[in-house]
Structures are given as C-alpha cells and as structure tokens.
Protein backbone atom coordinates (compact mmCIF):
# COMPACT_ATOMS: atom_id res chain seq x y z
CA MET A 1 77.16 20.61 56.05
CA GLU A 2 75.44 23.83 56.52
CA VAL A 3 76.51 26.39 58.91
CA ASN A 4 73.79 28.67 60.17
CA LEU A 5 75.08 31.67 62.05
CA LEU A 6 71.71 33.32 62.55
CA PRO A 7 70.19 33.53 65.96
CA ASN A 8 67.35 31.12 66.83
CA VAL A 9 64.61 33.72 66.34
CA ALA A 10 65.92 34.58 62.96
CA LYS A 11 66.11 30.88 62.10
CA PHE A 12 62.53 30.46 63.17
CA GLN A 13 61.41 33.42 61.07
CA ALA A 14 63.38 32.17 58.09
CA ASP A 15 61.74 28.76 58.48
CA LYS A 16 58.37 30.47 58.81
CA VAL A 17 58.95 32.47 55.58
CA ASN A 18 60.12 29.33 53.75
CA PHE A 19 57.16 27.40 55.03
CA SER A 20 54.85 30.21 54.03
CA ARG A 21 56.37 30.25 50.50
CA LYS A 22 56.00 26.47 50.24
CA MET A 23 52.36 26.72 51.40
CA VAL A 24 51.61 29.44 48.85
CA GLY A 25 53.26 27.28 46.16
CA VAL A 26 51.29 24.24 47.25
CA THR A 27 48.05 26.27 47.43
CA VAL A 28 48.66 27.78 43.98
CA THR A 29 49.50 24.35 42.59
CA ILE A 30 46.37 22.79 44.13
CA GLY A 31 44.24 25.75 42.96
CA THR A 32 45.69 25.52 39.46
CA VAL A 33 45.08 21.78 39.32
CA TRP A 34 41.58 22.26 40.70
CA VAL A 35 40.77 24.98 38.09
CA ALA A 36 42.28 22.84 35.30
CA VAL A 37 40.24 19.79 36.38
CA LEU A 38 37.13 21.96 36.67
CA ALA A 39 37.78 23.39 33.17
CA VAL A 40 38.25 19.87 31.72
CA ILE A 41 35.02 18.71 33.39
CA MET A 42 33.11 21.76 32.08
CA VAL A 43 34.47 21.25 28.54
CA PHE A 44 33.53 17.55 28.70
CA TYR A 45 30.06 18.49 30.04
CA TRP A 46 29.40 21.03 27.27
CA ILE A 47 30.69 18.72 24.51
CA THR A 48 28.52 15.90 25.84
CA ARG A 49 25.51 18.21 26.12
CA ILE A 50 25.97 19.49 22.54
CA ASN A 51 26.32 15.91 21.21
CA PHE A 52 23.26 14.86 23.21
CA SER A 53 21.26 17.78 21.80
CA LYS A 54 22.28 16.87 18.24
CA THR A 55 21.45 13.21 18.83
CA GLU A 56 18.14 14.11 20.43
CA SER A 57 17.16 16.35 17.50
CA LYS A 58 18.09 13.56 15.05
CA HIS A 59 16.05 11.12 17.13
CA LYS A 60 13.04 13.45 17.09
CA ALA A 61 13.35 13.89 13.32
CA LEU A 62 13.63 10.13 12.78
CA LEU A 63 10.70 9.50 15.11
CA ALA A 64 8.58 12.03 13.21
CA ASP A 65 9.58 10.36 9.92
CA TYR A 66 8.78 6.95 11.35
CA LEU A 67 5.38 8.08 12.60
CA SER A 68 4.51 9.69 9.28
CA MET A 69 5.70 6.60 7.42
CA SER A 70 3.78 4.30 9.74
CA GLU A 71 0.57 6.22 9.01
CA GLY A 72 1.35 5.93 5.31
CA ILE A 73 2.01 2.22 5.67
CA VAL A 74 -1.30 1.72 7.46
CA VAL A 75 -3.11 3.67 4.75
CA ASN A 76 -1.21 1.73 2.08
CA GLN A 77 -2.14 -1.60 3.67
CA ASN A 78 -5.79 -0.54 3.92
CA LEU A 79 -5.77 0.49 0.27
CA ARG A 80 -4.18 -2.81 -0.75
CA TYR A 81 -6.81 -4.73 1.22
CA LYS A 82 -9.64 -2.73 -0.35
CA LEU A 83 -8.08 -3.15 -3.80
CA LYS A 84 -7.92 -6.89 -3.23
CA LEU A 85 -11.61 -6.94 -2.29
CA VAL A 86 -12.53 -4.88 -5.35
CA ASN A 87 -10.49 -7.21 -7.59
CA GLN A 88 -12.29 -10.22 -6.13
CA VAL A 89 -15.67 -8.61 -6.73
CA LEU A 90 -14.74 -7.60 -10.28
CA SER A 91 -13.34 -11.04 -11.12
CA GLN A 92 -16.58 -12.69 -9.98
CA ARG A 93 -18.82 -10.12 -11.69
CA PHE A 94 -20.80 -11.15 -14.73
CA GLU A 95 -20.02 -9.11 -17.86
CA TYR A 96 -23.49 -8.10 -19.05
CA GLY A 97 -22.29 -6.01 -21.97
CA LYS A 98 -20.18 -8.83 -23.35
CA ALA A 99 -23.06 -11.27 -22.97
CA PHE A 100 -25.50 -8.95 -24.76
CA ARG A 101 -23.01 -8.43 -27.62
CA GLN A 102 -22.63 -12.23 -27.92
CA MET A 103 -26.37 -12.65 -28.12
CA GLU A 104 -26.79 -9.91 -30.72
CA SER A 105 -24.09 -11.42 -32.93
CA LEU A 106 -25.37 -14.97 -32.61
CA PHE A 107 -27.55 -15.05 -35.74
CA GLY A 108 -26.37 -12.11 -37.81
CA GLU A 109 -28.36 -9.31 -39.42
CA GLU A 110 -30.88 -11.58 -41.16
CA VAL A 111 -32.61 -12.34 -37.85
CA LYS A 112 -34.40 -9.40 -36.25
CA LEU A 113 -34.34 -9.55 -32.45
CA SER A 114 -37.35 -7.86 -30.89
CA SER A 115 -36.69 -8.41 -27.18
CA LEU A 116 -33.66 -9.61 -25.30
CA GLU A 117 -33.97 -10.46 -21.61
CA LEU A 118 -31.44 -11.74 -19.13
CA LYS A 119 -33.08 -14.43 -17.00
CA ASP A 120 -30.07 -15.08 -14.76
CA ASP A 121 -26.35 -14.54 -15.17
CA LYS A 122 -26.00 -17.42 -17.65
CA SER A 123 -29.36 -17.58 -19.41
CA PHE A 124 -31.06 -15.30 -21.97
CA SER A 125 -34.46 -15.39 -23.53
CA PHE A 126 -35.36 -13.40 -26.60
CA SER A 127 -37.89 -13.08 -29.37
CA GLY A 128 -36.90 -12.93 -32.98
CA GLU A 129 -38.37 -12.97 -36.44
CA VAL A 130 -37.20 -13.91 -39.92
CA VAL A 131 -38.84 -13.24 -43.31
CA ASN A 132 -38.75 -16.69 -44.88
CA GLY A 133 -38.50 -20.38 -44.10
CA GLU A 134 -34.90 -20.71 -45.28
CA LEU A 135 -33.78 -18.23 -42.60
CA MET A 136 -35.81 -20.19 -40.03
CA ASP A 137 -33.94 -23.32 -41.13
CA MET A 138 -30.67 -21.39 -40.56
CA VAL A 139 -31.86 -20.47 -37.04
CA GLU A 140 -32.66 -24.14 -36.33
CA ARG A 141 -29.22 -25.24 -37.61
CA LYS A 142 -27.58 -22.63 -35.36
CA ILE A 143 -29.52 -24.02 -32.37
CA ILE A 144 -28.33 -27.53 -33.22
CA ASP A 145 -24.73 -26.25 -33.47
CA ILE A 146 -25.06 -24.58 -30.06
CA ASN A 147 -26.45 -27.74 -28.45
CA GLU A 148 -23.65 -29.83 -29.97
CA GLY A 149 -21.00 -27.40 -28.61
CA ARG A 150 -19.79 -26.06 -31.95
CA VAL A 151 -20.45 -22.39 -31.08
CA ASP A 152 -17.99 -20.83 -28.63
CA GLY A 153 -19.42 -19.15 -25.57
CA PHE A 154 -22.77 -20.95 -25.63
CA PHE A 155 -23.86 -24.00 -23.70
CA GLY A 156 -27.36 -24.78 -24.91
CA ALA A 157 -30.40 -23.37 -26.76
CA ARG A 158 -34.15 -24.17 -26.79
CA ILE A 159 -37.00 -22.86 -28.91
CA SER A 160 -39.97 -22.22 -26.65
CA SER A 161 -42.46 -21.13 -29.33
CA VAL A 162 -42.69 -20.65 -33.12
CA GLU A 163 -45.37 -18.78 -35.13
CA ASN A 164 -45.75 -18.44 -38.87
CA GLU A 165 -47.76 -15.60 -40.43
CA ALA A 166 -47.54 -15.41 -44.24
CA ASP A 167 -43.83 -16.11 -44.58
CA LEU A 168 -42.94 -14.16 -41.39
CA TRP A 169 -41.60 -16.51 -38.78
CA LYS A 170 -41.64 -15.41 -35.12
CA PHE A 171 -39.92 -17.45 -32.45
CA ASP A 172 -39.03 -17.32 -28.77
CA LEU A 173 -35.66 -18.75 -27.82
CA GLU A 174 -33.76 -19.43 -24.61
CA VAL A 175 -29.96 -19.58 -24.74
CA ASP A 176 -27.54 -20.62 -21.98
CA LEU A 177 -24.03 -19.18 -21.87
CA LYS A 178 -20.93 -21.00 -20.69
C-alpha cells in the first residue's frame, strides 16, 4: 500500500506531471514509429522505382533488338522468296551455250559448219559442208546413230537438203535435242 502524504493539489499536480510525461513518451513513441514506417515506405518506394527503371530500360533495349531483328527477318524472308523464284527460273532456263557446244562437237573438225541457228529451245538447224563423199557417208551414219538413240543428248536428225559441187558436199540439217 502506498501512503501519500501530499495535499490534494500537490497530488493533482503530480498526476498532471506524470500524465504529461506519459503523453510525451507516447507522442515520441508514435512519432518514432511513424518516422520509421515512413522511412521503410520511402526505402521500399525508391528500391522499387530503381528496379522498375532497370527493368524498363532492359525492356526498351529488348524491344529495340526485337524490332531490328523483325525487320531483318522480313528482309531475310523476302530474299529467300526472291532466291526461290530465281532458282525456279534458272532451273527451267534452257542452256544455250551448252546446246551450241553440243552441236559444234557433233561431227568433229572434218565437217565445216557454216551457219548454226536455234529454231526453238530443243531444235537446231545448220548448214555444213564436207570435202569428199566418204565424209558425207560419215555424216549420214551419224544421223542414223542419232535417230536410233545412240548419241547422248540428241533426239532426232533430218537432212533437209544436199548439194554436190565437184567433190564438195553441202547439206542442211535439222537436229532435235533431248
């Protein structure tokens, strides 16, 4: 038990001072808690903002990379499509140089070719001449071999005209390629 020998006014003032100290303590405690909570919220806000800024910059960089790559992909796809079209055209193209070389090597050097003309992509006509009948017989045997399929790369051959002038044989020939 407590014995209080102070008069009532003094008791009241003592209670008032104690209450005032308790209120200051409570106010300081609440203020401290409020400042601590505010500091934690501000630290959380700034950390979140910094992380968001980093993430946003990474996102912008990735988006720029994606957009540049998508343009490259579109260009690449267009190039592939055009390359495919060019390959189709080239695969269907007739090789004129190869065909002319085949025609020139058909009879050898004994037969002189005077004109060589491409009628369509698989047919040639040309004029030639040989100096004796034996070479003309060789030309006729070569035509028979072509018509019988014994000469690679050729499908058929026809003599359209033959002239003989003092042991000089001139002929016109049409040859079909395979």
